[in-house]
Amino acid sequence: MGNSKLVRGTMVLTAATLISKILGFIYVIPFTALVGTTGLALYQFGYSQYVILLSLSTMGVPLAVSKFVAKYQSLGDYETGYRLFRSGVVLMTITGTLSFLALFFAAPFLANVMNPGEEDLTQAEVILSIRMVSVALIVVPAMSIIRGYFQGYQSMGPTAVSQVVEQIVRIVFILGAAFTVLNVLNGDMATAVGFATFAAFVGAIGGLAVLAYYWFKRRKGILEQVEKSTVRHNLTLKDMYKELILYALPLSFVGLAIPLFQFVDTYTIKGALIGTEFESISTDFIGVLTQAVHKVVLIPMALATALSVTLIPTITRSFTDGDMKKLKQQTTQTFQIILFIAIPAAVGMAVLAYPIYGALYFENLELGGNVMRYYGPITLCFSLFAVSAALLQGINRQRMAVIALIVGLLIKLVTNVPFLHWFGPNGVIFSSYLGNVVAIGINIWAIAKYGQFDFRLVAKRTLLITVFALIMGGAVYIVTHLLSYVINATSRGDYFILTFVGVTVGAAVYLYLSYRSNLAGRVLGERFSILKRKGKSQG
């Protein structure tokens, strides 16, 4: 029963995460059409520090609370978890309100650091964007406690449904408000973006309403369990929060990897490019990099993580049981699944950069296509860091994942501005690659050392996957290049045709090579035994 609940819960949360990621990508297309790439940059100026503050206060809280609640429930103590829940909602509301006030009043200072020039955006416009999004901090932290409490009961439905509803409400408000301000009220772009950032608060209210519905529906049963607690540990609030923080801190910090790298970019790009030949495009570059292209990059990462997520929880059990053979098999398959998806995705985005950007956004095509070509393949780095960090947590070496992120982030901080001066805007992309590669290297070293894992088979498969992905990339380039002579791409529709043909050809070539070589069947395992060619060795 327990295993079936775990699998079902994992599937529910995975589906919710994928739906949220895809929705978060789709809305950027019409939003870009409404506010342009300068509007995207303004949106990022408002959103970047909000994400950091929110992540620091809530990223690891749901899982940490769920672990805390599940632990004491297994001991027959339902009261301790309930006490944490009640006090936690109050505490997170207070800290959320303090975070809101801090961000609201710090907005002028932050706006001046991020936007030192006023050639594209004024300080007042950036301040408005920051202050509008800051309101969400009053609500969202408390939601994390409620989600974690339900997860402690192995009930993933409330978290999943509230995440999807929150995202849908947020997106509907973003697009509705932006359209109304610009086309009905004849307002300006800055006001439209301000209301778009305020959508974080509106979406949170929608998510909170879902959680409230679940709470009132299940409250009676929960309180009956609390009253029937067979054990009462009578922990002080100090002891409860000390234990909770020990659970949450590593999860919070590792989960900040991508937002922190974006945070560095948001605060350094404009200042570093002042006085250079790229100064005039610095604002548009921020919007294209951190919003338009970044949303596309997250899609293959989400798919790769979703396919491997069912393997990750079993890593902990195998390590705890001392079953190193099973641990190595699970680790091998996890890495292979990620690489099997992320490597061709990275190659495909580099080769089809201009058609993809043209089909999705079209505006600022030369800038956007260039960013997509260089930044698209970083989806491989994001995927590998996320999975390697999760594996380290599974073998109780989460401290190494934290160290890896700190080192990678320091490299990003040190190299970002020099790389901008040396390589122009693309320098921040190269800096992100360098920081991520070093962090991944530390994680892999730690997995090999503490998990006693031999990466030779993974390296062998990686080489084969890379060769197939490069062949695929070559085929896609040739076909789309020839097709471009027939289709003189001048519209979004033309670029969509090029993208569709390129993706179709790439998928066909890669899957054919993977099937003929038996790679697909070996990597994806028994679930995809249909991809194993008969009569071939399964080694």
Protein backbone atom coordinates (compact mmCIF):
# COMPACT_ATOMS: atom_id res chain seq x y z
CA MET A 1 0.00 0.00 0.00
CA GLY A 2 2.80 2.38 0.96
CA ASN A 3 4.69 1.80 -2.28
CA SER A 4 1.58 2.32 -4.42
CA LYS A 5 0.87 5.60 -2.62
CA LEU A 6 4.46 6.71 -3.18
CA VAL A 7 4.36 5.90 -6.89
CA ARG A 8 0.95 7.50 -7.33
CA GLY A 9 2.04 10.60 -5.44
CA THR A 10 5.23 10.88 -7.47
CA MET A 11 3.27 10.61 -10.71
CA VAL A 12 0.77 13.26 -9.58
CA LEU A 13 3.50 15.73 -8.59
CA THR A 14 5.48 15.01 -11.77
CA ALA A 15 2.42 15.67 -13.94
CA ALA A 16 1.68 18.89 -12.03
CA THR A 17 5.28 20.09 -12.39
CA LEU A 18 5.30 19.39 -16.13
CA ILE A 19 1.96 21.15 -16.64
CA SER A 20 3.21 24.18 -14.69
CA LYS A 21 6.49 24.31 -16.65
CA ILE A 22 4.72 24.05 -20.00
CA LEU A 23 2.16 26.70 -19.05
CA GLY A 24 4.98 28.92 -17.81
CA PHE A 25 6.62 28.59 -21.21
CA ILE A 26 3.51 29.06 -23.34
CA TYR A 27 2.34 32.31 -21.79
CA VAL A 28 5.64 34.06 -22.59
CA ILE A 29 4.82 33.91 -26.32
CA PRO A 30 1.68 36.15 -26.22
CA PHE A 31 3.18 38.20 -23.36
CA THR A 32 6.22 38.99 -25.53
CA ALA A 33 3.92 40.00 -28.36
CA LEU A 34 2.21 42.44 -25.97
CA VAL A 35 5.16 44.04 -24.14
CA GLY A 36 8.21 43.20 -26.30
CA THR A 37 11.65 42.10 -25.14
CA THR A 38 12.13 45.35 -23.21
CA GLY A 39 8.98 44.49 -21.27
CA LEU A 40 10.39 41.03 -20.58
CA ALA A 41 13.53 42.63 -19.14
CA LEU A 42 11.40 44.88 -16.90
CA TYR A 43 9.45 41.82 -15.76
CA GLN A 44 12.73 40.07 -14.90
CA PHE A 45 13.98 43.12 -12.97
CA GLY A 46 10.92 42.83 -10.76
CA TYR A 47 10.85 39.06 -10.50
CA SER A 48 14.50 38.13 -9.91
CA GLN A 49 14.91 39.20 -6.27
CA TYR A 50 11.37 38.02 -5.48
CA VAL A 51 12.32 34.51 -6.63
CA ILE A 52 15.46 34.56 -4.49
CA LEU A 53 13.64 35.72 -1.35
CA LEU A 54 10.84 33.25 -1.97
CA SER A 55 13.24 30.38 -2.61
CA LEU A 56 15.25 31.09 0.52
CA SER A 57 12.12 31.08 2.67
CA THR A 58 10.10 28.27 1.05
CA MET A 59 12.09 26.13 -1.43
CA GLY A 60 12.86 23.32 1.00
CA VAL A 61 9.97 23.89 3.39
CA PRO A 62 7.28 21.61 1.86
CA LEU A 63 9.62 18.61 1.72
CA ALA A 64 11.14 19.40 5.12
CA VAL A 65 7.69 19.70 6.72
CA SER A 66 6.56 16.49 5.05
CA LYS A 67 9.60 14.63 6.42
CA PHE A 68 9.01 16.07 9.89
CA VAL A 69 5.29 15.20 9.89
CA ALA A 70 5.83 11.71 8.45
CA LYS A 71 8.57 10.96 10.99
CA TYR A 72 6.44 11.73 14.02
CA GLN A 73 3.33 10.13 12.56
CA SER A 74 5.27 6.89 12.14
CA LEU A 75 5.98 7.10 15.90
CA GLY A 76 2.26 7.51 16.64
CA ASP A 77 2.62 11.25 17.39
CA TYR A 78 0.19 13.23 15.21
CA GLU A 79 0.08 16.14 17.64
CA THR A 80 3.68 17.31 17.12
CA GLY A 81 3.22 17.62 13.35
CA TYR A 82 -0.05 19.48 13.86
CA ARG A 83 1.60 21.92 16.30
CA LEU A 84 4.31 22.59 13.71
CA PHE A 85 1.64 23.17 11.08
CA ARG A 86 -0.36 25.67 13.20
CA SER A 87 2.63 27.66 14.42
CA GLY A 88 4.33 27.41 11.02
CA VAL A 89 1.46 29.07 9.15
CA VAL A 90 1.58 31.99 11.60
CA LEU A 91 5.38 32.23 11.53
CA MET A 92 5.62 32.06 7.72
CA THR A 93 2.92 34.71 7.38
CA ILE A 94 4.91 37.00 9.69
CA THR A 95 8.24 36.34 7.93
CA GLY A 96 6.53 36.68 4.55
CA THR A 97 5.13 40.07 5.55
CA LEU A 98 8.58 41.19 6.76
CA SER A 99 10.09 40.01 3.44
CA PHE A 100 7.42 41.99 1.57
CA LEU A 101 8.24 45.15 3.53
CA ALA A 102 11.98 44.66 3.02
CA LEU A 103 11.63 44.19 -0.75
CA PHE A 104 9.07 47.01 -1.08
CA PHE A 105 11.26 49.61 0.63
CA ALA A 106 14.52 48.34 -0.91
CA ALA A 107 13.08 48.72 -4.42
CA PRO A 108 14.74 52.12 -5.19
CA PHE A 109 18.19 50.82 -4.23
CA LEU A 110 17.75 47.55 -6.16
CA ALA A 111 16.44 49.39 -9.22
CA ASN A 112 19.51 51.63 -9.27
CA VAL A 113 21.89 48.65 -9.10
CA MET A 114 20.12 46.62 -11.81
CA ASN A 115 19.29 49.52 -14.12
CA PRO A 116 22.10 52.10 -13.78
CA GLY A 117 21.23 53.75 -17.10
CA GLU A 118 17.81 55.08 -18.12
CA GLU A 119 18.05 54.83 -21.88
CA ASP A 120 15.41 52.07 -22.07
CA LEU A 121 13.72 51.92 -18.69
CA THR A 122 13.43 54.55 -15.97
CA GLN A 123 14.11 53.87 -12.31
CA ALA A 124 10.44 54.55 -11.52
CA GLU A 125 9.36 51.78 -13.92
CA VAL A 126 11.72 49.23 -12.35
CA ILE A 127 10.65 50.27 -8.83
CA LEU A 128 6.99 49.75 -9.77
CA SER A 129 7.74 46.25 -11.09
CA ILE A 130 9.59 45.26 -7.90
CA ARG A 131 6.95 46.65 -5.57
CA MET A 132 4.03 45.04 -7.40
CA VAL A 133 5.54 41.54 -7.20
CA SER A 134 6.64 41.97 -3.57
CA VAL A 135 3.03 41.70 -2.33
CA ALA A 136 3.01 37.96 -3.14
CA LEU A 137 5.51 37.36 -0.32
CA ILE A 138 2.72 37.89 2.20
CA VAL A 139 0.86 34.78 0.99
CA VAL A 140 3.21 32.32 -0.68
CA PRO A 141 5.45 31.30 2.29
CA ALA A 142 2.44 30.18 4.36
CA MET A 143 1.29 28.04 1.42
CA SER A 144 4.52 26.05 1.60
CA ILE A 145 3.74 24.93 5.16
CA ILE A 146 0.24 23.78 4.19
CA ARG A 147 1.53 21.86 1.17
CA GLY A 148 4.21 20.20 3.26
CA TYR A 149 1.70 19.17 5.94
CA PHE A 150 -0.50 17.40 3.37
CA GLN A 151 2.57 15.72 1.84
CA GLY A 152 3.46 14.42 5.30
CA TYR A 153 0.24 12.41 5.07
CA GLN A 154 1.47 11.11 1.67
CA SER A 155 -1.31 13.18 0.10
CA MET A 156 0.17 14.85 -2.99
CA GLY A 157 -3.14 15.91 -4.56
CA PRO A 158 -3.49 19.24 -2.68
CA THR A 159 0.05 20.30 -3.65
CA ALA A 160 -0.37 19.24 -7.27
CA VAL A 161 -3.79 20.81 -7.82
CA SER A 162 -2.87 24.04 -6.02
CA GLN A 163 0.33 24.39 -8.10
CA VAL A 164 -1.55 24.03 -11.37
CA VAL A 165 -4.41 26.35 -10.30
CA GLU A 166 -1.89 28.92 -9.05
CA GLN A 167 -0.10 28.87 -12.40
CA ILE A 168 -3.32 29.07 -14.45
CA VAL A 169 -4.72 31.99 -12.41
CA ARG A 170 -1.35 33.78 -12.61
CA ILE A 171 -1.08 33.41 -16.38
CA VAL A 172 -4.71 34.42 -17.05
CA PHE A 173 -4.17 37.55 -14.94
CA ILE A 174 -0.83 38.37 -16.60
CA LEU A 175 -2.24 38.21 -20.13
CA GLY A 176 -5.62 39.71 -19.24
CA ALA A 177 -4.13 42.62 -17.30
CA ALA A 178 -1.44 43.36 -19.91
CA PHE A 179 -3.97 43.29 -22.76
CA THR A 180 -6.44 45.47 -20.85
CA VAL A 181 -3.84 48.07 -19.86
CA LEU A 182 -2.34 48.34 -23.34
CA ASN A 183 -5.33 47.89 -25.66
CA VAL A 184 -8.39 48.90 -23.64
CA LEU A 185 -7.09 51.58 -21.29
CA ASN A 186 -4.32 52.71 -23.69
CA GLY A 187 -1.82 52.56 -20.85
CA ASP A 188 1.94 52.22 -21.12
CA MET A 189 4.16 49.13 -21.17
CA ALA A 190 5.56 49.71 -17.67
CA THR A 191 2.08 49.70 -16.12
CA ALA A 192 1.19 46.53 -18.01
CA VAL A 193 4.34 44.79 -16.75
CA GLY A 194 3.68 46.03 -13.22
CA PHE A 195 0.29 44.33 -13.21
CA ALA A 196 1.92 41.24 -14.76
CA THR A 197 4.29 40.94 -11.79
CA PHE A 198 1.35 41.52 -9.41
CA ALA A 199 -0.09 38.32 -10.92
CA ALA A 200 2.20 36.36 -8.57
CA PHE A 201 -0.01 37.52 -5.69
CA VAL A 202 -3.26 36.83 -7.55
CA GLY A 203 -2.06 33.33 -8.52
CA ALA A 204 -1.05 32.65 -4.91
CA ILE A 205 -4.56 33.53 -3.74
CA GLY A 206 -5.89 30.96 -6.23
CA GLY A 207 -3.50 28.29 -4.94
CA LEU A 208 -4.33 29.15 -1.33
CA ALA A 209 -8.06 28.81 -2.06
CA VAL A 210 -7.45 25.25 -3.31
CA LEU A 211 -5.47 24.36 -0.18
CA ALA A 212 -8.19 25.88 2.02
CA TYR A 213 -10.79 23.71 0.27
CA TYR A 214 -8.74 20.57 0.95
CA TRP A 215 -8.14 21.62 4.56
CA PHE A 216 -11.80 22.15 5.41
CA LYS A 217 -12.68 18.92 3.61
CA ARG A 218 -10.17 16.88 5.64
CA ARG A 219 -9.94 18.90 8.86
CA LYS A 220 -12.27 16.66 10.89
CA GLY A 221 -10.33 13.47 10.10
CA ILE A 222 -6.97 15.14 10.78
CA LEU A 223 -8.10 16.48 14.16
CA GLU A 224 -9.45 13.05 15.14
CA GLN A 225 -6.00 11.54 14.43
CA VAL A 226 -4.32 14.28 16.46
CA GLU A 227 -6.58 13.51 19.44
CA LYS A 228 -5.78 9.79 19.18
CA SER A 229 -1.98 10.26 19.25
CA THR A 230 -0.49 7.32 21.15
CA VAL A 231 2.80 9.16 21.78
CA ARG A 232 3.36 12.85 22.58
CA HIS A 233 6.94 14.11 22.38
CA ASN A 234 6.04 17.58 23.69
CA LEU A 235 8.84 19.25 21.74
CA THR A 236 9.36 22.96 22.28
CA LEU A 237 8.86 25.27 19.31
CA LYS A 238 12.61 25.91 19.34
CA ASP A 239 13.39 22.20 19.02
CA MET A 240 10.79 21.72 16.29
CA TYR A 241 12.12 24.55 14.15
CA LYS A 242 15.72 23.53 14.74
CA GLU A 243 14.93 20.08 13.30
CA LEU A 244 12.93 21.59 10.45
CA ILE A 245 15.75 23.95 9.47
CA LEU A 246 18.27 21.09 9.40
CA TYR A 247 16.00 19.34 6.87
CA ALA A 248 15.22 22.42 4.79
CA LEU A 249 18.51 24.31 4.40
CA PRO A 250 20.32 21.93 1.99
CA LEU A 251 17.16 21.49 -0.08
CA SER A 252 16.58 25.25 -0.19
CA PHE A 253 20.08 26.15 -1.27
CA VAL A 254 20.49 23.47 -3.95
CA GLY A 255 17.08 24.39 -5.33
CA LEU A 256 18.35 27.95 -5.79
CA ALA A 257 20.94 26.97 -8.41
CA ILE A 258 19.19 28.34 -11.50
CA PRO A 259 17.63 31.44 -9.83
CA LEU A 260 21.02 32.43 -8.34
CA PHE A 261 22.79 32.21 -11.70
CA GLN A 262 20.02 34.36 -13.23
CA PHE A 263 20.25 36.75 -10.28
CA VAL A 264 23.93 37.41 -11.04
CA ASP A 265 23.11 38.12 -14.69
CA THR A 266 20.23 40.47 -13.87
CA TYR A 267 22.42 42.59 -11.59
CA THR A 268 25.57 42.75 -13.73
CA ILE A 269 24.69 42.86 -17.43
CA LYS A 270 23.54 46.47 -17.83
CA GLY A 271 26.28 47.98 -15.69
CA ALA A 272 29.03 45.99 -17.41
CA LEU A 273 27.86 46.92 -20.91
CA ILE A 274 27.62 50.68 -20.30
CA GLY A 275 30.03 52.44 -22.65
CA THR A 276 30.43 49.43 -24.93
CA GLU A 277 29.02 48.86 -28.41
CA PHE A 278 26.41 46.56 -26.83
CA GLU A 279 24.96 49.15 -24.43
CA SER A 280 21.92 49.82 -26.64
CA ILE A 281 20.81 46.17 -26.64
CA SER A 282 21.56 45.38 -22.98
CA THR A 283 17.94 45.65 -21.79
CA ASP A 284 16.57 43.56 -24.65
CA PHE A 285 19.33 41.01 -24.07
CA ILE A 286 18.29 40.59 -20.42
CA GLY A 287 14.67 40.02 -21.46
CA VAL A 288 15.57 37.51 -24.17
CA LEU A 289 18.08 35.60 -22.00
CA THR A 290 16.27 35.42 -18.66
CA GLN A 291 12.69 35.07 -19.88
CA ALA A 292 12.08 34.20 -23.56
CA VAL A 293 14.91 31.71 -24.17
CA HIS A 294 15.17 30.51 -20.56
CA LYS A 295 11.56 29.30 -20.61
CA VAL A 296 12.35 27.12 -23.64
CA VAL A 297 15.49 25.75 -22.00
CA LEU A 298 13.49 24.53 -18.98
CA ILE A 299 11.18 22.29 -21.03
CA PRO A 300 13.63 19.45 -21.87
CA MET A 301 15.06 19.76 -18.37
CA ALA A 302 11.60 19.20 -16.89
CA LEU A 303 11.00 16.19 -19.13
CA ALA A 304 14.34 14.64 -18.25
CA THR A 305 13.83 15.15 -14.54
CA ALA A 306 10.29 13.78 -14.75
CA LEU A 307 11.49 10.54 -16.37
CA SER A 308 14.14 9.99 -13.73
CA VAL A 309 12.19 11.16 -10.68
CA THR A 310 10.65 7.71 -10.08
CA LEU A 311 14.17 6.30 -9.65
CA ILE A 312 15.46 8.93 -7.19
CA PRO A 313 13.44 7.93 -4.05
CA THR A 314 14.66 4.34 -4.33
CA ILE A 315 18.29 5.53 -4.20
CA THR A 316 17.87 6.44 -0.53
CA ARG A 317 16.40 3.03 0.31
CA SER A 318 19.17 1.14 -1.49
CA PHE A 319 21.88 3.20 0.20
CA THR A 320 20.27 2.81 3.63
CA ASP A 321 19.94 -0.95 3.11
CA GLY A 322 23.58 -1.19 2.01
CA ASP A 323 22.57 -2.71 -1.34
CA MET A 324 25.40 -1.18 -3.38
CA LYS A 325 24.71 -3.32 -6.44
CA LYS A 326 21.17 -2.00 -6.75
CA LEU A 327 22.39 1.53 -5.97
CA LYS A 328 24.87 1.40 -8.84
CA GLN A 329 22.22 0.07 -11.25
CA GLN A 330 19.80 2.83 -10.28
CA THR A 331 22.47 5.53 -10.53
CA THR A 332 23.56 4.27 -13.94
CA GLN A 333 20.03 4.26 -15.30
CA THR A 334 19.26 7.70 -13.88
CA PHE A 335 22.27 9.30 -15.57
CA GLN A 336 21.62 7.48 -18.84
CA ILE A 337 17.98 8.61 -19.02
CA ILE A 338 18.96 12.23 -18.42
CA LEU A 339 21.74 12.12 -21.02
CA PHE A 340 19.59 10.24 -23.55
CA ILE A 341 17.09 13.12 -23.54
CA ALA A 342 19.17 16.20 -22.68
CA ILE A 343 22.08 15.75 -25.13
CA PRO A 344 19.95 15.61 -28.32
CA ALA A 345 17.76 18.41 -26.89
CA ALA A 346 20.87 20.57 -26.42
CA VAL A 347 22.14 19.85 -29.95
CA GLY A 348 18.69 20.40 -31.43
CA MET A 349 18.24 23.81 -29.78
CA ALA A 350 21.66 24.92 -31.01
CA VAL A 351 20.98 23.85 -34.62
CA LEU A 352 17.36 25.06 -34.74
CA ALA A 353 17.98 28.20 -32.66
CA TYR A 354 16.74 30.77 -35.17
CA PRO A 355 13.70 28.78 -36.43
CA ILE A 356 12.61 28.00 -32.82
CA TYR A 357 12.93 31.59 -31.67
CA GLY A 358 11.29 32.90 -34.85
CA ALA A 359 8.36 30.50 -34.50
CA LEU A 360 7.79 31.34 -30.84
CA TYR A 361 8.59 35.04 -30.49
CA PHE A 362 9.78 36.49 -33.86
CA GLU A 363 10.56 39.93 -32.38
CA ASN A 364 14.28 40.71 -32.12
CA LEU A 365 15.03 37.58 -34.13
CA GLU A 366 18.74 38.17 -34.66
CA LEU A 367 19.39 38.73 -30.95
CA GLY A 368 17.03 35.98 -29.83
CA GLY A 369 18.34 33.39 -32.29
CA ASN A 370 21.91 34.10 -31.22
CA VAL A 371 21.04 33.71 -27.53
CA MET A 372 19.12 30.49 -28.23
CA ARG A 373 22.08 29.03 -30.14
CA TYR A 374 24.52 29.59 -27.29
CA TYR A 375 22.24 29.32 -24.25
CA GLY A 376 19.95 26.49 -25.41
CA PRO A 377 22.46 23.68 -24.76
CA ILE A 378 22.74 24.72 -21.10
CA THR A 379 19.63 22.58 -20.54
CA LEU A 380 22.10 19.67 -20.37
CA CYS A 381 24.00 21.35 -17.52
CA PHE A 382 20.83 22.20 -15.60
CA SER A 383 19.59 18.61 -15.93
CA LEU A 384 22.88 17.06 -14.83
CA PHE A 385 23.27 19.34 -11.82
CA ALA A 386 19.69 18.74 -10.64
CA VAL A 387 20.00 14.96 -10.90
CA SER A 388 23.53 14.67 -9.48
CA ALA A 389 22.51 16.87 -6.52
CA ALA A 390 19.43 14.69 -5.93
CA LEU A 391 21.59 11.55 -6.01
CA LEU A 392 23.93 13.06 -3.41
CA GLN A 393 20.94 13.77 -1.20
CA GLY A 394 19.89 10.15 -1.66
CA ILE A 395 23.22 8.92 -0.27
CA ASN A 396 23.18 11.49 2.57
CA ARG A 397 25.93 13.65 1.07
CA GLN A 398 23.83 16.77 0.46
CA ARG A 399 26.63 18.89 1.92
CA MET A 400 28.72 18.12 -1.17
CA ALA A 401 25.91 19.38 -3.42
CA VAL A 402 25.85 22.62 -1.43
CA ILE A 403 29.65 22.97 -1.72
CA ALA A 404 29.45 22.31 -5.47
CA LEU A 405 26.83 25.04 -5.92
CA ILE A 406 28.83 27.54 -3.86
CA VAL A 407 31.96 26.90 -5.93
CA GLY A 408 30.02 27.14 -9.20
CA LEU A 409 28.34 30.34 -8.09
CA LEU A 410 31.65 31.91 -7.03
CA ILE A 411 33.08 31.13 -10.47
CA LYS A 412 30.01 32.76 -12.02
CA LEU A 413 30.44 35.86 -9.83
CA VAL A 414 34.15 36.19 -10.59
CA THR A 415 33.95 35.62 -14.34
CA ASN A 416 30.64 37.26 -15.31
CA VAL A 417 31.83 40.85 -15.76
CA PRO A 418 35.25 40.00 -17.30
CA PHE A 419 33.56 37.63 -19.75
CA LEU A 420 31.06 40.38 -20.66
CA HIS A 421 33.97 42.67 -21.50
CA TRP A 422 35.84 40.01 -23.46
CA PHE A 423 33.02 38.29 -25.33
CA GLY A 424 30.18 40.82 -25.28
CA PRO A 425 26.68 39.78 -24.08
CA ASN A 426 27.39 36.10 -24.76
CA GLY A 427 30.02 36.29 -22.03
CA VAL A 428 27.39 35.77 -19.33
CA ILE A 429 26.35 32.56 -21.09
CA PHE A 430 29.93 31.28 -21.18
CA SER A 431 30.28 32.20 -17.49
CA SER A 432 27.15 30.16 -16.67
CA TYR A 433 28.56 27.16 -18.52
CA LEU A 434 31.84 27.37 -16.64
CA GLY A 435 30.18 27.62 -13.22
CA ASN A 436 27.76 24.78 -13.96
CA VAL A 437 30.41 22.45 -15.39
CA VAL A 438 32.63 22.86 -12.32
CA ALA A 439 29.65 22.29 -9.97
CA ILE A 440 28.63 19.16 -11.89
CA GLY A 441 32.22 17.91 -11.80
CA ILE A 442 32.29 18.21 -8.00
CA ASN A 443 28.97 16.38 -7.72
CA ILE A 444 30.13 13.54 -9.96
CA TRP A 445 33.40 13.22 -8.04
CA ALA A 446 31.42 13.02 -4.79
CA ILE A 447 29.05 10.38 -6.19
CA ALA A 448 32.03 8.29 -7.36
CA LYS A 449 33.78 8.65 -3.99
CA TYR A 450 30.93 8.27 -1.50
CA GLY A 451 28.62 6.12 -3.61
CA GLN A 452 31.52 3.93 -4.82
CA PHE A 453 30.25 4.45 -8.35
CA ASP A 454 32.20 3.66 -11.51
CA PHE A 455 31.28 6.02 -14.34
CA ARG A 456 32.92 4.01 -17.16
CA LEU A 457 29.66 2.57 -18.50
CA VAL A 458 27.95 5.97 -18.30
CA ALA A 459 30.90 7.56 -20.13
CA LYS A 460 30.72 4.90 -22.84
CA ARG A 461 26.99 5.45 -23.34
CA THR A 462 27.48 9.23 -23.24
CA LEU A 463 29.95 9.00 -26.11
CA LEU A 464 27.51 6.97 -28.20
CA ILE A 465 24.60 9.32 -27.39
CA THR A 466 26.75 12.31 -28.33
CA VAL A 467 27.76 10.77 -31.67
CA PHE A 468 24.12 10.03 -32.52
CA ALA A 469 23.06 13.54 -31.43
CA LEU A 470 25.74 15.12 -33.65
CA ILE A 471 24.67 13.00 -36.63
CA MET A 472 21.10 14.07 -35.91
CA GLY A 473 22.21 17.71 -35.73
CA GLY A 474 23.99 17.42 -39.06
CA ALA A 475 20.91 15.93 -40.73
CA VAL A 476 18.67 18.65 -39.29
CA TYR A 477 21.02 21.41 -40.43
CA ILE A 478 21.22 20.06 -43.99
CA VAL A 479 17.47 19.58 -44.35
CA THR A 480 16.48 22.96 -42.86
CA HIS A 481 19.22 24.75 -44.80
CA LEU A 482 17.96 23.30 -48.08
CA LEU A 483 14.35 24.00 -47.10
CA SER A 484 15.21 27.64 -46.36
CA TYR A 485 15.91 28.11 -50.09
CA VAL A 486 12.32 27.05 -50.79
CA ILE A 487 10.79 28.92 -47.84
CA ASN A 488 12.06 32.47 -47.68
CA ALA A 489 11.40 32.78 -43.94
CA THR A 490 9.79 36.19 -43.36
CA SER A 491 7.01 35.31 -40.90
CA ARG A 492 6.38 33.33 -37.72
CA GLY A 493 4.54 30.72 -39.81
CA ASP A 494 7.58 30.19 -42.04
CA TYR A 495 9.80 29.63 -39.02
CA PHE A 496 7.23 27.25 -37.55
CA ILE A 497 7.43 25.11 -40.71
CA LEU A 498 11.24 25.06 -40.51
CA THR A 499 11.07 24.13 -36.81
CA PHE A 500 8.48 21.40 -37.37
CA VAL A 501 10.44 19.82 -40.22
CA GLY A 502 13.71 20.09 -38.28
CA VAL A 503 12.28 18.52 -35.12
CA THR A 504 10.61 15.73 -37.13
CA VAL A 505 13.80 14.90 -39.03
CA GLY A 506 15.90 15.10 -35.86
CA ALA A 507 13.57 12.83 -33.87
CA ALA A 508 13.39 10.30 -36.72
CA VAL A 509 17.18 10.15 -37.18
CA TYR A 510 17.98 9.98 -33.45
CA LEU A 511 15.35 7.36 -32.65
CA TYR A 512 16.33 5.25 -35.66
CA LEU A 513 20.01 5.27 -34.67
CA SER A 514 19.09 4.56 -31.03
CA TYR A 515 16.86 1.66 -32.03
CA ARG A 516 19.25 0.10 -34.56
CA SER A 517 22.12 0.22 -32.06
CA ASN A 518 19.90 -1.05 -29.22
CA LEU A 519 20.82 2.08 -27.24
CA ALA A 520 17.19 3.09 -26.55
CA GLY A 521 16.20 -0.27 -25.06
CA ARG A 522 19.30 -0.46 -22.88
CA VAL A 523 18.99 3.10 -21.55
CA LEU A 524 15.24 3.21 -20.94
CA GLY A 525 15.03 -0.27 -19.44
CA GLU A 526 12.23 -2.80 -19.19
CA ARG A 527 9.47 -0.20 -19.40
CA PHE A 528 10.47 0.33 -23.04
CA SER A 529 11.39 -3.25 -23.93
CA ILE A 530 9.70 -2.73 -27.30
CA LEU A 531 12.74 -0.62 -28.22
CA LYS A 532 15.08 -3.58 -27.70
CA ARG A 533 15.97 -5.27 -30.95
CA LYS A 534 15.61 -9.02 -30.90
CA GLY A 535 18.70 -11.09 -31.30
CA LYS A 536 21.00 -8.36 -29.97
CA SER A 537 23.10 -8.56 -26.84
CA GLN A 538 21.67 -6.64 -23.90
CA GLY A 539 25.02 -5.84 -22.34
